[in-house]
All heavy atoms as atom14 arrays in JSON, in Angstrom:
{
  "sequence": "TMATQDLPLYSVAKLVSGAVFTVGLMMVMI",
  "atom14_mask": [
    [1, 1, 1, 1, 1, 1, 1, 0, 0, 0, 0, 0, 0, 0],
    [1, 1, 1, 1, 1, 1, 1, 1, 0, 0, 0, 0, 0, 0],
    [1, 1, 1, 1, 1, 0, 0, 0, 0, 0, 0, 0, 0, 0],
    [1, 1, 1, 1, 1, 1, 1, 0, 0, 0, 0, 0, 0, 0],
    [1, 1, 1, 1, 1, 1, 1, 1, 1, 0, 0, 0, 0, 0],
    [1, 1, 1, 1, 1, 1, 1, 1, 0, 0, 0, 0, 0, 0],
    [1, 1, 1, 1, 1, 1, 1, 1, 0, 0, 0, 0, 0, 0],
    [1, 1, 1, 1, 1, 1, 1, 0, 0, 0, 0, 0, 0, 0],
    [1, 1, 1, 1, 1, 1, 1, 1, 0, 0, 0, 0, 0, 0],
    [1, 1, 1, 1, 1, 1, 1, 1, 1, 1, 1, 1, 0, 0],
    [1, 1, 1, 1, 1, 1, 0, 0, 0, 0, 0, 0, 0, 0],
    [1, 1, 1, 1, 1, 1, 1, 0, 0, 0, 0, 0, 0, 0],
    [1, 1, 1, 1, 1, 0, 0, 0, 0, 0, 0, 0, 0, 0],
    [1, 1, 1, 1, 1, 1, 1, 1, 1, 0, 0, 0, 0, 0],
    [1, 1, 1, 1, 1, 1, 1, 1, 0, 0, 0, 0, 0, 0],
    [1, 1, 1, 1, 1, 1, 1, 0, 0, 0, 0, 0, 0, 0],
    [1, 1, 1, 1, 1, 1, 0, 0, 0, 0, 0, 0, 0, 0],
    [1, 1, 1, 1, 0, 0, 0, 0, 0, 0, 0, 0, 0, 0],
    [1, 1, 1, 1, 1, 0, 0, 0, 0, 0, 0, 0, 0, 0],
    [1, 1, 1, 1, 1, 1, 1, 0, 0, 0, 0, 0, 0, 0],
    [1, 1, 1, 1, 1, 1, 1, 1, 1, 1, 1, 0, 0, 0],
    [1, 1, 1, 1, 1, 1, 1, 0, 0, 0, 0, 0, 0, 0],
    [1, 1, 1, 1, 1, 1, 1, 0, 0, 0, 0, 0, 0, 0],
    [1, 1, 1, 1, 0, 0, 0, 0, 0, 0, 0, 0, 0, 0],
    [1, 1, 1, 1, 1, 1, 1, 1, 0, 0, 0, 0, 0, 0],
    [1, 1, 1, 1, 1, 1, 1, 1, 0, 0, 0, 0, 0, 0],
    [1, 1, 1, 1, 1, 1, 1, 1, 0, 0, 0, 0, 0, 0],
    [1, 1, 1, 1, 1, 1, 1, 0, 0, 0, 0, 0, 0, 0],
    [1, 1, 1, 1, 1, 1, 1, 1, 0, 0, 0, 0, 0, 0],
    [1, 1, 1, 1, 1, 1, 1, 1, 0, 0, 0, 0, 0, 0]
  ],
  "atom14_positions": [
    [[0.82, -1.21, 0.0], [0.0, 0.0, 0.0], [0.85, 1.26, 0.0], [0.58, 2.21, -0.74], [-0.93, 0.01, 1.23], [-1.69, -1.19, 1.27], [-1.9, 1.19, 1.17], [0.0, 0.0, 0.0], [0.0, 0.0, 0.0], [0.0, 0.0, 0.0], [0.0, 0.0, 0.0], [0.0, 0.0, 0.0], [0.0, 0.0, 0.0], [0.0, 0.0, 0.0]],
    [[1.89, 1.25, 0.81], [2.77, 2.41, 0.89], [3.44, 2.7, -0.45], [3.57, 3.86, -0.86], [3.83, 2.19, 1.97], [4.75, 3.38, 2.23], [3.91, 4.75, 3.05], [3.95, 4.19, 4.77], [0.0, 0.0, 0.0], [0.0, 0.0, 0.0], [0.0, 0.0, 0.0], [0.0, 0.0, 0.0], [0.0, 0.0, 0.0], [0.0, 0.0, 0.0]],
    [[3.84, 1.65, -1.15], [4.57, 1.82, -2.41], [3.68, 2.31, -3.54], [4.19, 2.86, -4.53], [5.22, 0.49, -2.81], [0.0, 0.0, 0.0], [0.0, 0.0, 0.0], [0.0, 0.0, 0.0], [0.0, 0.0, 0.0], [0.0, 0.0, 0.0], [0.0, 0.0, 0.0], [0.0, 0.0, 0.0], [0.0, 0.0, 0.0], [0.0, 0.0, 0.0]],
    [[2.37, 2.1, -3.42], [1.48, 2.4, -4.56], [0.45, 3.48, -4.27], [-0.4, 3.76, -5.12], [0.74, 1.12, -4.98], [-0.04, 0.63, -3.86], [1.71, 0.04, -5.41], [0.0, 0.0, 0.0], [0.0, 0.0, 0.0], [0.0, 0.0, 0.0], [0.0, 0.0, 0.0], [0.0, 0.0, 0.0], [0.0, 0.0, 0.0], [0.0, 0.0, 0.0]],
    [[0.5, 4.1, -3.1], [-0.58, 5.0, -2.66], [-0.88, 6.14, -3.61], [-2.03, 6.57, -3.72], [-0.27, 5.56, -1.27], [1.02, 6.35, -1.2], [1.3, 6.85, 0.19], [0.59, 7.69, 0.71], [2.33, 6.31, 0.81], [0.0, 0.0, 0.0], [0.0, 0.0, 0.0], [0.0, 0.0, 0.0], [0.0, 0.0, 0.0], [0.0, 0.0, 0.0]],
    [[0.13, 6.66, -4.33], [-0.15, 7.78, -5.22], [0.39, 7.57, -6.64], [0.61, 8.53, -7.38], [0.41, 9.08, -4.65], [1.9, 9.01, -4.33], [2.5, 7.95, -4.62], [2.45, 9.98, -3.81], [0.0, 0.0, 0.0], [0.0, 0.0, 0.0], [0.0, 0.0, 0.0], [0.0, 0.0, 0.0], [0.0, 0.0, 0.0], [0.0, 0.0, 0.0]],
    [[0.56, 6.31, -7.03], [0.97, 6.03, -8.41], [-0.21, 6.33, -9.35], [-1.34, 5.89, -9.09], [1.41, 4.58, -8.56], [2.76, 4.21, -7.93], [3.06, 2.74, -8.15], [3.89, 5.07, -8.5], [0.0, 0.0, 0.0], [0.0, 0.0, 0.0], [0.0, 0.0, 0.0], [0.0, 0.0, 0.0], [0.0, 0.0, 0.0], [0.0, 0.0, 0.0]],
    [[0.03, 7.05, -10.43], [-1.08, 7.5, -11.27], [-1.7, 6.43, -12.16], [-2.88, 6.48, -12.46], [-0.44, 8.61, -12.12], [1.01, 8.25, -12.17], [1.33, 7.61, -10.85], [0.0, 0.0, 0.0], [0.0, 0.0, 0.0], [0.0, 0.0, 0.0], [0.0, 0.0, 0.0], [0.0, 0.0, 0.0], [0.0, 0.0, 0.0], [0.0, 0.0, 0.0]],
    [[-0.91, 5.47, -12.62], [-1.41, 4.46, -13.55], [-1.81, 3.19, -12.8], [-1.01, 2.61, -12.06], [-0.35, 4.14, -14.6], [0.03, 5.29, -15.54], [1.14, 4.84, -16.47], [-1.18, 5.77, -16.33], [0.0, 0.0, 0.0], [0.0, 0.0, 0.0], [0.0, 0.0, 0.0], [0.0, 0.0, 0.0], [0.0, 0.0, 0.0], [0.0, 0.0, 0.0]],
    [[-3.04, 2.75, -13.01], [-3.56, 1.58, -12.3], [-2.71, 0.34, -12.55], [-2.36, -0.39, -11.62], [-5.0, 1.32, -12.74], [-5.63, 0.11, -12.11], [-6.13, 0.16, -10.81], [-5.75, -1.1, -12.81], [-6.72, -0.95, -10.23], [-6.34, -2.2, -12.24], [-6.81, -2.13, -10.94], [-7.38, -3.24, -10.37], [0.0, 0.0, 0.0], [0.0, 0.0, 0.0]],
    [[-2.35, 0.09, -13.81], [-1.59, -1.11, -14.13], [-0.2, -1.09, -13.51], [0.3, -2.12, -13.03], [-1.48, -1.27, -15.66], [-0.9, -0.12, -16.24], [0.0, 0.0, 0.0], [0.0, 0.0, 0.0], [0.0, 0.0, 0.0], [0.0, 0.0, 0.0], [0.0, 0.0, 0.0], [0.0, 0.0, 0.0], [0.0, 0.0, 0.0], [0.0, 0.0, 0.0]],
    [[0.42, 0.07, -13.48], [1.74, 0.19, -12.85], [1.63, -0.03, -11.35], [2.46, -0.72, -10.75], [2.37, 1.57, -13.16], [3.66, 1.75, -12.38], [2.63, 1.71, -14.66], [0.0, 0.0, 0.0], [0.0, 0.0, 0.0], [0.0, 0.0, 0.0], [0.0, 0.0, 0.0], [0.0, 0.0, 0.0], [0.0, 0.0, 0.0], [0.0, 0.0, 0.0]],
    [[0.59, 0.55, -10.75], [0.39, 0.38, -9.32], [0.2, -1.09, -8.96], [0.75, -1.59, -7.96], [-0.82, 1.19, -8.86], [0.0, 0.0, 0.0], [0.0, 0.0, 0.0], [0.0, 0.0, 0.0], [0.0, 0.0, 0.0], [0.0, 0.0, 0.0], [0.0, 0.0, 0.0], [0.0, 0.0, 0.0], [0.0, 0.0, 0.0], [0.0, 0.0, 0.0]],
    [[-0.57, -1.83, -9.77], [-0.79, -3.25, -9.51], [0.51, -4.04, -9.65], [0.78, -4.95, -8.86], [-1.84, -3.8, -10.48], [-3.22, -3.23, -10.3], [-3.84, -3.57, -8.97], [-4.32, -4.99, -8.92], [-5.03, -5.3, -7.65], [0.0, 0.0, 0.0], [0.0, 0.0, 0.0], [0.0, 0.0, 0.0], [0.0, 0.0, 0.0], [0.0, 0.0, 0.0]],
    [[1.32, -3.68, -10.63], [2.59, -4.37, -10.83], [3.53, -4.15, -9.65], [4.14, -5.1, -9.13], [3.25, -3.88, -12.12], [4.59, -4.53, -12.49], [4.42, -6.02, -12.73], [5.18, -3.87, -13.74], [0.0, 0.0, 0.0], [0.0, 0.0, 0.0], [0.0, 0.0, 0.0], [0.0, 0.0, 0.0], [0.0, 0.0, 0.0], [0.0, 0.0, 0.0]],
    [[3.63, -2.92, -9.18], [4.49, -2.6, -8.04], [3.95, -3.29, -6.78], [4.71, -3.87, -5.99], [4.59, -1.08, -7.83], [5.33, -0.76, -6.53], [5.29, -0.42, -9.02], [0.0, 0.0, 0.0], [0.0, 0.0, 0.0], [0.0, 0.0, 0.0], [0.0, 0.0, 0.0], [0.0, 0.0, 0.0], [0.0, 0.0, 0.0], [0.0, 0.0, 0.0]],
    [[2.64, -3.23, -6.59], [2.03, -3.86, -5.42], [2.31, -5.36, -5.4], [2.67, -5.93, -4.36], [0.51, -3.62, -5.44], [-0.12, -4.26, -4.35], [0.0, 0.0, 0.0], [0.0, 0.0, 0.0], [0.0, 0.0, 0.0], [0.0, 0.0, 0.0], [0.0, 0.0, 0.0], [0.0, 0.0, 0.0], [0.0, 0.0, 0.0], [0.0, 0.0, 0.0]],
    [[2.17, -6.01, -6.57], [2.44, -7.44, -6.65], [3.87, -7.78, -6.34], [4.16, -8.76, -5.64], [0.0, 0.0, 0.0], [0.0, 0.0, 0.0], [0.0, 0.0, 0.0], [0.0, 0.0, 0.0], [0.0, 0.0, 0.0], [0.0, 0.0, 0.0], [0.0, 0.0, 0.0], [0.0, 0.0, 0.0], [0.0, 0.0, 0.0], [0.0, 0.0, 0.0]],
    [[4.81, -6.96, -6.84], [6.23, -7.22, -6.6], [6.58, -7.09, -5.12], [7.35, -7.88, -4.59], [7.07, -6.25, -7.44], [0.0, 0.0, 0.0], [0.0, 0.0, 0.0], [0.0, 0.0, 0.0], [0.0, 0.0, 0.0], [0.0, 0.0, 0.0], [0.0, 0.0, 0.0], [0.0, 0.0, 0.0], [0.0, 0.0, 0.0], [0.0, 0.0, 0.0]],
    [[5.99, -6.09, -4.46], [6.29, -5.88, -3.03], [5.63, -6.95, -2.17], [6.23, -7.49, -1.23], [5.83, -4.47, -2.59], [5.99, -4.3, -1.08], [6.61, -3.39, -3.34], [0.0, 0.0, 0.0], [0.0, 0.0, 0.0], [0.0, 0.0, 0.0], [0.0, 0.0, 0.0], [0.0, 0.0, 0.0], [0.0, 0.0, 0.0], [0.0, 0.0, 0.0]],
    [[4.37, -7.28, -2.49], [3.62, -8.21, -1.65], [4.24, -9.61, -1.61], [4.05, -10.34, -0.64], [2.17, -8.3, -2.14], [1.27, -9.09, -1.24], [0.77, -8.55, -0.08], [0.95, -10.41, -1.55], [-0.05, -9.29, 0.77], [0.13, -11.16, -0.73], [-0.37, -10.58, 0.44], [0.0, 0.0, 0.0], [0.0, 0.0, 0.0], [0.0, 0.0, 0.0]],
    [[4.98, -9.98, -2.65], [5.58, -11.31, -2.68], [6.5, -11.58, -1.5], [6.71, -12.74, -1.11], [6.4, -11.52, -3.97], [7.45, -10.56, -4.02], [5.54, -11.36, -5.2], [0.0, 0.0, 0.0], [0.0, 0.0, 0.0], [0.0, 0.0, 0.0], [0.0, 0.0, 0.0], [0.0, 0.0, 0.0], [0.0, 0.0, 0.0], [0.0, 0.0, 0.0]],
    [[7.04, -10.5, -0.9], [7.96, -10.67, 0.22], [7.27, -11.39, 1.38], [7.91, -12.11, 2.16], [8.51, -9.31, 0.68], [9.44, -9.46, 1.87], [9.24, -8.62, -0.48], [0.0, 0.0, 0.0], [0.0, 0.0, 0.0], [0.0, 0.0, 0.0], [0.0, 0.0, 0.0], [0.0, 0.0, 0.0], [0.0, 0.0, 0.0], [0.0, 0.0, 0.0]],
    [[5.96, -11.22, 1.5], [5.23, -11.87, 2.59], [5.38, -13.37, 2.59], [5.72, -13.99, 3.6], [0.0, 0.0, 0.0], [0.0, 0.0, 0.0], [0.0, 0.0, 0.0], [0.0, 0.0, 0.0], [0.0, 0.0, 0.0], [0.0, 0.0, 0.0], [0.0, 0.0, 0.0], [0.0, 0.0, 0.0], [0.0, 0.0, 0.0], [0.0, 0.0, 0.0]],
    [[5.14, -14.0, 1.42], [5.27, -15.47, 1.37], [6.72, -15.9, 1.5], [7.0, -16.95, 2.06], [4.67, -16.02, 0.07], [4.6, -17.55, 0.03], [3.62, -18.07, 1.08], [4.2, -18.06, -1.36], [0.0, 0.0, 0.0], [0.0, 0.0, 0.0], [0.0, 0.0, 0.0], [0.0, 0.0, 0.0], [0.0, 0.0, 0.0], [0.0, 0.0, 0.0]],
    [[7.64, -15.09, 0.99], [9.06, -15.41, 1.16], [9.41, -15.5, 2.65], [10.1, -16.43, 3.08], [9.93, -14.35, 0.49], [9.81, -14.31, -1.02], [10.78, -12.94, -1.69], [10.1, -12.81, -3.35], [0.0, 0.0, 0.0], [0.0, 0.0, 0.0], [0.0, 0.0, 0.0], [0.0, 0.0, 0.0], [0.0, 0.0, 0.0], [0.0, 0.0, 0.0]],
    [[8.95, -14.54, 3.43], [9.23, -14.56, 4.87], [8.59, -15.76, 5.55], [9.18, -16.36, 6.46], [8.76, -13.24, 5.51], [9.57, -12.04, 5.08], [9.22, -10.52, 6.03], [7.56, -10.13, 5.49], [0.0, 0.0, 0.0], [0.0, 0.0, 0.0], [0.0, 0.0, 0.0], [0.0, 0.0, 0.0], [0.0, 0.0, 0.0], [0.0, 0.0, 0.0]],
    [[7.38, -16.11, 5.11], [6.7, -17.26, 5.69], [7.45, -18.56, 5.38], [7.72, -19.37, 6.27], [5.25, -17.35, 5.17], [4.63, -18.7, 5.54], [4.41, -16.22, 5.73], [0.0, 0.0, 0.0], [0.0, 0.0, 0.0], [0.0, 0.0, 0.0], [0.0, 0.0, 0.0], [0.0, 0.0, 0.0], [0.0, 0.0, 0.0], [0.0, 0.0, 0.0]],
    [[7.8, -18.76, 4.1], [8.36, -20.03, 3.67], [9.84, -20.18, 4.05], [10.28, -21.28, 4.38], [8.2, -20.18, 2.16], [6.76, -20.24, 1.69], [5.82, -21.63, 2.4], [6.67, -23.03, 1.67], [0.0, 0.0, 0.0], [0.0, 0.0, 0.0], [0.0, 0.0, 0.0], [0.0, 0.0, 0.0], [0.0, 0.0, 0.0], [0.0, 0.0, 0.0]],
    [[10.6, -19.1, 3.98], [12.03, -19.19, 4.28], [12.3, -18.96, 5.76], [13.11, -19.66, 6.38], [12.83, -18.19, 3.41], [12.64, -18.51, 1.94], [14.31, -18.22, 3.77], [13.21, -17.47, 0.98], [0.0, 0.0, 0.0], [0.0, 0.0, 0.0], [0.0, 0.0, 0.0], [0.0, 0.0, 0.0], [0.0, 0.0, 0.0], [0.0, 0.0, 0.0]]
  ]
}
């Protein structure tokens, strides 16, 4: 949310959000 709060393009915001959110499962699994 912090990384995408004011990104103007929806598709770019989704891409950045997806890239950042992946860290969650990495922390869980590793």
